N, C-alpha and C. Protein backbone atom coordinates (compact mmCIF):
# COMPACT_ATOMS: atom_id res chain seq x y z
N MET A 1 0.85 -1.20 -0.02
CA MET A 1 -0.01 -0.02 -0.01
C MET A 1 0.88 1.24 0.00
N ALA A 2 0.63 2.15 -0.92
CA ALA A 2 1.38 3.39 -0.99
C ALA A 2 0.97 4.35 0.12
N SER A 3 1.90 5.22 0.50
CA SER A 3 1.58 6.27 1.47
C SER A 3 0.54 7.19 0.86
N THR A 4 -0.30 7.78 1.68
CA THR A 4 -1.30 8.70 1.13
C THR A 4 -0.72 10.04 0.76
N THR A 5 0.41 10.42 1.38
CA THR A 5 1.11 11.66 1.02
C THR A 5 2.62 11.43 1.01
N LEU A 6 3.30 12.20 0.19
CA LEU A 6 4.75 12.25 0.17
C LEU A 6 5.17 13.69 0.26
N SER A 7 6.20 13.97 1.02
CA SER A 7 6.70 15.35 1.13
C SER A 7 8.16 15.38 0.65
N LEU A 8 8.43 16.17 -0.39
CA LEU A 8 9.78 16.34 -0.93
C LEU A 8 10.16 17.80 -0.87
N LYS A 9 11.41 18.09 -0.76
CA LYS A 9 11.84 19.48 -0.67
C LYS A 9 12.36 19.99 -2.02
N ASP A 10 12.07 21.25 -2.33
CA ASP A 10 12.64 21.89 -3.52
C ASP A 10 13.97 22.53 -3.16
N GLU A 11 14.53 23.27 -4.11
CA GLU A 11 15.85 23.87 -3.89
C GLU A 11 15.87 24.84 -2.71
N ALA A 12 14.77 25.52 -2.49
CA ALA A 12 14.65 26.47 -1.38
C ALA A 12 14.36 25.79 -0.05
N GLU A 13 14.40 24.44 -0.05
CA GLU A 13 14.08 23.63 1.13
C GLU A 13 12.61 23.73 1.56
N THR A 14 11.74 24.15 0.65
CA THR A 14 10.30 24.22 0.90
C THR A 14 9.71 22.86 0.65
N ALA A 15 8.86 22.40 1.54
CA ALA A 15 8.22 21.11 1.40
C ALA A 15 7.16 21.17 0.30
N ILE A 16 7.26 20.23 -0.64
CA ILE A 16 6.25 20.04 -1.70
C ILE A 16 5.49 18.79 -1.31
N VAL A 17 4.18 18.93 -1.07
CA VAL A 17 3.41 17.81 -0.62
C VAL A 17 2.63 17.21 -1.77
N TYR A 18 2.82 15.93 -1.99
CA TYR A 18 2.14 15.18 -3.03
C TYR A 18 1.11 14.27 -2.36
N SER A 19 -0.10 14.22 -2.91
CA SER A 19 -1.15 13.34 -2.41
C SER A 19 -1.40 12.22 -3.40
N LEU A 20 -1.63 11.04 -2.88
CA LEU A 20 -1.92 9.88 -3.70
C LEU A 20 -3.29 10.08 -4.37
N VAL A 21 -3.33 10.00 -5.70
CA VAL A 21 -4.58 10.16 -6.41
C VAL A 21 -5.00 8.90 -7.17
N GLY A 22 -4.13 7.94 -7.26
CA GLY A 22 -4.45 6.69 -7.92
C GLY A 22 -3.43 5.63 -7.64
N GLN A 23 -3.89 4.37 -7.58
CA GLN A 23 -2.99 3.28 -7.28
C GLN A 23 -3.53 1.98 -7.87
N THR A 24 -2.64 1.19 -8.45
CA THR A 24 -2.93 -0.16 -8.88
C THR A 24 -1.86 -1.05 -8.25
N PRO A 25 -1.92 -2.36 -8.44
CA PRO A 25 -0.86 -3.20 -7.86
C PRO A 25 0.53 -2.89 -8.38
N ASP A 26 0.65 -2.29 -9.57
CA ASP A 26 1.97 -2.00 -10.09
C ASP A 26 2.19 -0.54 -10.45
N ALA A 27 1.45 0.35 -9.85
CA ALA A 27 1.66 1.80 -10.09
C ALA A 27 1.02 2.64 -8.98
N ALA A 28 1.56 3.85 -8.86
CA ALA A 28 0.98 4.83 -7.92
C ALA A 28 1.21 6.21 -8.53
N VAL A 29 0.20 7.07 -8.42
CA VAL A 29 0.29 8.41 -8.98
C VAL A 29 -0.02 9.41 -7.90
N TYR A 30 0.88 10.40 -7.76
CA TYR A 30 0.75 11.48 -6.78
C TYR A 30 0.65 12.81 -7.50
N ARG A 31 -0.05 13.78 -6.92
CA ARG A 31 -0.16 15.14 -7.45
C ARG A 31 0.18 16.11 -6.34
N ASN A 32 0.83 17.22 -6.72
CA ASN A 32 1.10 18.31 -5.77
C ASN A 32 -0.24 18.92 -5.39
N VAL A 33 -0.52 18.93 -4.09
CA VAL A 33 -1.82 19.40 -3.62
C VAL A 33 -2.04 20.90 -3.80
N ASN A 34 -0.96 21.63 -4.01
CA ASN A 34 -1.07 23.09 -4.13
C ASN A 34 -1.06 23.58 -5.58
N ARG A 35 -1.16 22.67 -6.52
CA ARG A 35 -1.17 23.04 -7.93
C ARG A 35 -2.48 22.70 -8.59
N SER A 36 -2.88 23.51 -9.55
CA SER A 36 -4.14 23.29 -10.25
C SER A 36 -4.00 22.10 -11.20
N LEU A 37 -5.13 21.53 -11.58
CA LEU A 37 -5.10 20.44 -12.56
C LEU A 37 -4.67 20.93 -13.92
N ALA A 38 -4.83 22.23 -14.18
CA ALA A 38 -4.42 22.79 -15.48
C ALA A 38 -2.88 22.90 -15.58
N LEU A 39 -2.20 23.07 -14.45
CA LEU A 39 -0.74 23.17 -14.43
C LEU A 39 -0.22 22.24 -13.35
N PRO A 40 -0.35 20.92 -13.58
CA PRO A 40 -0.03 19.96 -12.54
C PRO A 40 1.45 19.74 -12.31
N GLN A 41 1.74 19.25 -11.13
CA GLN A 41 3.07 18.74 -10.79
C GLN A 41 2.77 17.33 -10.28
N SER A 42 3.40 16.32 -10.88
CA SER A 42 3.04 14.96 -10.53
C SER A 42 4.29 14.10 -10.29
N LEU A 43 4.04 13.02 -9.58
CA LEU A 43 5.09 12.03 -9.27
C LEU A 43 4.47 10.66 -9.48
N ASP A 44 5.00 9.92 -10.45
CA ASP A 44 4.42 8.63 -10.80
C ASP A 44 5.44 7.50 -10.52
N PHE A 45 4.95 6.41 -10.00
CA PHE A 45 5.77 5.22 -9.75
C PHE A 45 5.17 4.07 -10.54
N LYS A 46 6.03 3.32 -11.26
CA LYS A 46 5.58 2.12 -11.99
C LYS A 46 6.50 0.98 -11.61
N PHE A 47 5.93 -0.18 -11.38
CA PHE A 47 6.68 -1.35 -10.95
C PHE A 47 6.41 -2.50 -11.88
N LYS A 48 7.46 -3.22 -12.25
CA LYS A 48 7.31 -4.46 -13.01
C LYS A 48 8.20 -5.46 -12.28
N LEU A 49 7.60 -6.15 -11.33
CA LEU A 49 8.32 -7.07 -10.47
C LEU A 49 8.04 -8.51 -10.89
N GLY A 50 9.11 -9.30 -10.91
CA GLY A 50 8.95 -10.69 -11.27
C GLY A 50 8.35 -11.51 -10.17
N SER A 51 7.86 -12.68 -10.54
CA SER A 51 7.30 -13.62 -9.56
C SER A 51 8.42 -14.20 -8.71
N PRO A 52 8.12 -14.62 -7.52
CA PRO A 52 9.13 -15.26 -6.69
C PRO A 52 9.77 -16.44 -7.42
N GLY A 53 11.07 -16.51 -7.42
CA GLY A 53 11.80 -17.57 -8.11
C GLY A 53 12.04 -17.30 -9.58
N ALA A 54 11.44 -16.28 -10.15
CA ALA A 54 11.63 -15.96 -11.56
C ALA A 54 12.97 -15.30 -11.80
N LYS A 55 13.55 -15.55 -12.96
CA LYS A 55 14.81 -14.88 -13.33
C LYS A 55 14.47 -13.60 -14.08
N GLY A 56 15.47 -12.79 -14.35
CA GLY A 56 15.27 -11.52 -15.04
C GLY A 56 15.54 -10.36 -14.10
N ASN A 57 14.90 -9.24 -14.38
CA ASN A 57 15.11 -8.05 -13.56
C ASN A 57 13.79 -7.47 -13.09
N ASP A 58 13.80 -6.95 -11.84
CA ASP A 58 12.69 -6.15 -11.36
C ASP A 58 12.92 -4.75 -11.87
N LYS A 59 11.86 -4.08 -12.36
CA LYS A 59 11.99 -2.75 -12.91
C LYS A 59 11.09 -1.76 -12.23
N ILE A 60 11.67 -0.62 -11.88
CA ILE A 60 10.92 0.47 -11.22
C ILE A 60 11.21 1.76 -12.00
N THR A 61 10.19 2.52 -12.31
CA THR A 61 10.35 3.81 -12.95
C THR A 61 9.67 4.87 -12.09
N VAL A 62 10.41 5.92 -11.81
CA VAL A 62 9.86 7.07 -11.07
C VAL A 62 9.93 8.27 -12.00
N THR A 63 8.80 8.93 -12.24
CA THR A 63 8.76 10.07 -13.16
C THR A 63 8.17 11.27 -12.42
N LEU A 64 8.89 12.38 -12.47
CA LEU A 64 8.44 13.62 -11.89
C LEU A 64 8.16 14.60 -13.04
N ARG A 65 6.98 15.21 -13.07
CA ARG A 65 6.61 16.16 -14.08
C ARG A 65 6.20 17.48 -13.44
N ASP A 66 6.57 18.56 -14.11
CA ASP A 66 6.16 19.89 -13.63
C ASP A 66 5.72 20.71 -14.84
N THR A 67 4.58 21.35 -14.73
CA THR A 67 4.00 22.12 -15.82
C THR A 67 3.84 23.58 -15.45
N VAL A 68 4.24 24.44 -16.36
CA VAL A 68 4.10 25.88 -16.15
C VAL A 68 3.49 26.53 -17.38
N GLN A 69 2.97 27.74 -17.19
CA GLN A 69 2.43 28.50 -18.30
C GLN A 69 3.16 29.84 -18.39
N ASN A 70 3.66 30.17 -19.58
CA ASN A 70 4.34 31.46 -19.80
C ASN A 70 3.28 32.55 -19.71
N SER A 71 3.50 33.50 -18.78
CA SER A 71 2.50 34.56 -18.56
C SER A 71 2.41 35.52 -19.73
N THR A 72 3.43 35.58 -20.57
CA THR A 72 3.41 36.49 -21.73
C THR A 72 2.75 35.84 -22.94
N THR A 73 3.18 34.61 -23.25
CA THR A 73 2.71 33.96 -24.48
C THR A 73 1.53 33.01 -24.26
N GLY A 74 1.34 32.59 -23.00
CA GLY A 74 0.29 31.64 -22.71
C GLY A 74 0.64 30.20 -23.02
N VAL A 75 1.88 29.97 -23.51
CA VAL A 75 2.31 28.65 -23.87
C VAL A 75 2.53 27.79 -22.59
N VAL A 76 2.03 26.58 -22.62
CA VAL A 76 2.17 25.65 -21.51
C VAL A 76 3.34 24.72 -21.82
N SER A 77 4.25 24.56 -20.85
CA SER A 77 5.42 23.70 -21.03
C SER A 77 5.52 22.72 -19.86
N THR A 78 5.99 21.53 -20.19
CA THR A 78 6.15 20.50 -19.16
C THR A 78 7.57 19.96 -19.17
N ALA A 79 8.19 19.87 -18.01
CA ALA A 79 9.49 19.25 -17.85
C ALA A 79 9.28 17.88 -17.21
N THR A 80 10.09 16.92 -17.59
CA THR A 80 9.99 15.56 -17.08
C THR A 80 11.35 15.06 -16.68
N LEU A 81 11.40 14.43 -15.50
CA LEU A 81 12.61 13.77 -15.04
C LEU A 81 12.20 12.33 -14.70
N ALA A 82 12.88 11.38 -15.32
CA ALA A 82 12.54 9.97 -15.09
C ALA A 82 13.78 9.22 -14.59
N ILE A 83 13.58 8.39 -13.63
CA ILE A 83 14.61 7.52 -13.12
C ILE A 83 14.16 6.08 -13.33
N ASN A 84 14.96 5.31 -14.04
CA ASN A 84 14.67 3.89 -14.28
C ASN A 84 15.62 3.03 -13.47
N VAL A 85 15.05 2.11 -12.74
CA VAL A 85 15.87 1.19 -11.94
C VAL A 85 15.56 -0.22 -12.41
N SER A 86 16.62 -0.99 -12.69
CA SER A 86 16.49 -2.37 -13.10
C SER A 86 17.44 -3.21 -12.26
N ILE A 87 16.87 -4.06 -11.43
CA ILE A 87 17.63 -4.81 -10.46
C ILE A 87 17.55 -6.31 -10.81
N PRO A 88 18.72 -6.94 -10.96
CA PRO A 88 18.72 -8.38 -11.29
C PRO A 88 18.08 -9.24 -10.18
N ARG A 89 17.33 -10.23 -10.63
CA ARG A 89 16.77 -11.21 -9.68
C ARG A 89 17.77 -12.38 -9.68
N ASP A 90 18.88 -12.17 -9.02
CA ASP A 90 19.95 -13.17 -9.01
C ASP A 90 20.55 -13.19 -7.60
N ASP A 91 20.85 -14.38 -7.11
CA ASP A 91 21.40 -14.49 -5.77
C ASP A 91 22.72 -13.73 -5.58
N ALA A 92 23.44 -13.52 -6.67
CA ALA A 92 24.72 -12.80 -6.60
C ALA A 92 24.51 -11.31 -6.36
N TRP A 93 23.31 -10.80 -6.67
CA TRP A 93 23.01 -9.38 -6.48
C TRP A 93 22.43 -9.18 -5.09
N THR A 94 23.00 -8.25 -4.32
CA THR A 94 22.55 -8.06 -2.95
C THR A 94 21.81 -6.73 -2.79
N GLU A 95 21.08 -6.63 -1.71
CA GLU A 95 20.37 -5.37 -1.38
C GLU A 95 21.39 -4.25 -1.20
N GLN A 96 22.56 -4.56 -0.63
CA GLN A 96 23.59 -3.55 -0.45
C GLN A 96 24.05 -2.98 -1.80
N MET A 97 24.15 -3.82 -2.82
CA MET A 97 24.53 -3.35 -4.15
C MET A 97 23.51 -2.37 -4.70
N THR A 98 22.22 -2.67 -4.47
CA THR A 98 21.16 -1.76 -4.89
C THR A 98 21.30 -0.42 -4.13
N GLN A 99 21.51 -0.51 -2.83
CA GLN A 99 21.65 0.72 -2.04
C GLN A 99 22.84 1.54 -2.52
N ASP A 100 23.93 0.89 -2.83
CA ASP A 100 25.13 1.60 -3.32
C ASP A 100 24.81 2.38 -4.60
N LEU A 101 24.12 1.73 -5.53
CA LEU A 101 23.74 2.42 -6.77
C LEU A 101 22.84 3.63 -6.52
N LEU A 102 21.86 3.42 -5.66
CA LEU A 102 20.91 4.52 -5.37
C LEU A 102 21.63 5.69 -4.69
N ILE A 103 22.55 5.40 -3.80
CA ILE A 103 23.30 6.47 -3.14
C ILE A 103 24.20 7.19 -4.14
N GLN A 104 24.76 6.47 -5.09
CA GLN A 104 25.57 7.15 -6.14
C GLN A 104 24.72 8.07 -6.99
N VAL A 105 23.48 7.65 -7.32
CA VAL A 105 22.56 8.52 -8.06
C VAL A 105 22.21 9.74 -7.25
N GLN A 106 21.95 9.56 -5.97
CA GLN A 106 21.64 10.67 -5.08
C GLN A 106 22.81 11.67 -5.08
N ASP A 107 24.04 11.16 -5.01
CA ASP A 107 25.21 12.02 -5.03
C ASP A 107 25.37 12.74 -6.38
N LEU A 108 25.09 11.99 -7.47
CA LEU A 108 25.15 12.59 -8.81
C LEU A 108 24.17 13.75 -8.94
N LEU A 109 23.00 13.61 -8.31
CA LEU A 109 21.97 14.65 -8.42
C LEU A 109 22.05 15.66 -7.28
N SER A 110 23.19 15.75 -6.60
CA SER A 110 23.41 16.75 -5.55
C SER A 110 23.33 18.13 -6.16
N ASP A 111 23.26 19.14 -5.30
CA ASP A 111 23.14 20.53 -5.77
C ASP A 111 24.17 20.92 -6.79
N ALA A 112 25.43 20.69 -6.52
CA ALA A 112 26.50 21.12 -7.43
C ALA A 112 26.39 20.42 -8.79
N ASN A 113 26.15 19.13 -8.78
CA ASN A 113 26.04 18.38 -10.03
C ASN A 113 24.77 18.71 -10.78
N SER A 114 23.68 18.94 -10.08
CA SER A 114 22.39 19.19 -10.75
C SER A 114 22.43 20.52 -11.54
N ILE A 115 23.19 21.49 -11.03
CA ILE A 115 23.32 22.74 -11.77
C ILE A 115 24.04 22.50 -13.09
N SER A 116 25.10 21.72 -13.06
CA SER A 116 25.83 21.38 -14.30
C SER A 116 24.92 20.61 -15.26
N LEU A 117 24.21 19.62 -14.74
CA LEU A 117 23.33 18.81 -15.58
C LEU A 117 22.26 19.67 -16.22
N ALA A 118 21.68 20.61 -15.45
CA ALA A 118 20.62 21.48 -15.98
C ALA A 118 21.18 22.39 -17.11
N ASP A 119 22.49 22.68 -17.04
CA ASP A 119 23.12 23.48 -18.09
C ASP A 119 23.66 22.63 -19.26
N GLY A 120 23.39 21.32 -19.21
CA GLY A 120 23.84 20.43 -20.28
C GLY A 120 25.29 20.09 -20.21
N ILE A 121 25.87 20.17 -19.02
CA ILE A 121 27.31 19.89 -18.82
C ILE A 121 27.44 18.63 -17.98
N THR A 122 28.27 17.70 -18.44
CA THR A 122 28.53 16.51 -17.65
C THR A 122 29.37 16.91 -16.42
N PRO A 123 28.90 16.53 -15.23
CA PRO A 123 29.63 16.93 -14.01
C PRO A 123 31.03 16.38 -13.99
């Protein structure tokens, strides 16, 4: 069962609260409670998990979308950030290995690196 709300911080350390608006066994959709449906900010989770004992990879996709409207032109624009995780279903792969990869991604997306990435520069 997904949490009914998620709170994430923006660059100014302001809490952005997302509320669960839909859920299936392999997906969950959250929306920023302070944004209109016309200019939504959303956080989507999709899961493709193998059956117990099955070989292959478990796959998780997290997608964050933010929509704005240009006050001069009226043009609506949406930015999307997606993170895809594919974890082997193999006894040689450990939970610690998954944690190590996730921590490396967190470090990659730190403040200093995210500014470079937003400017199209490899950190």
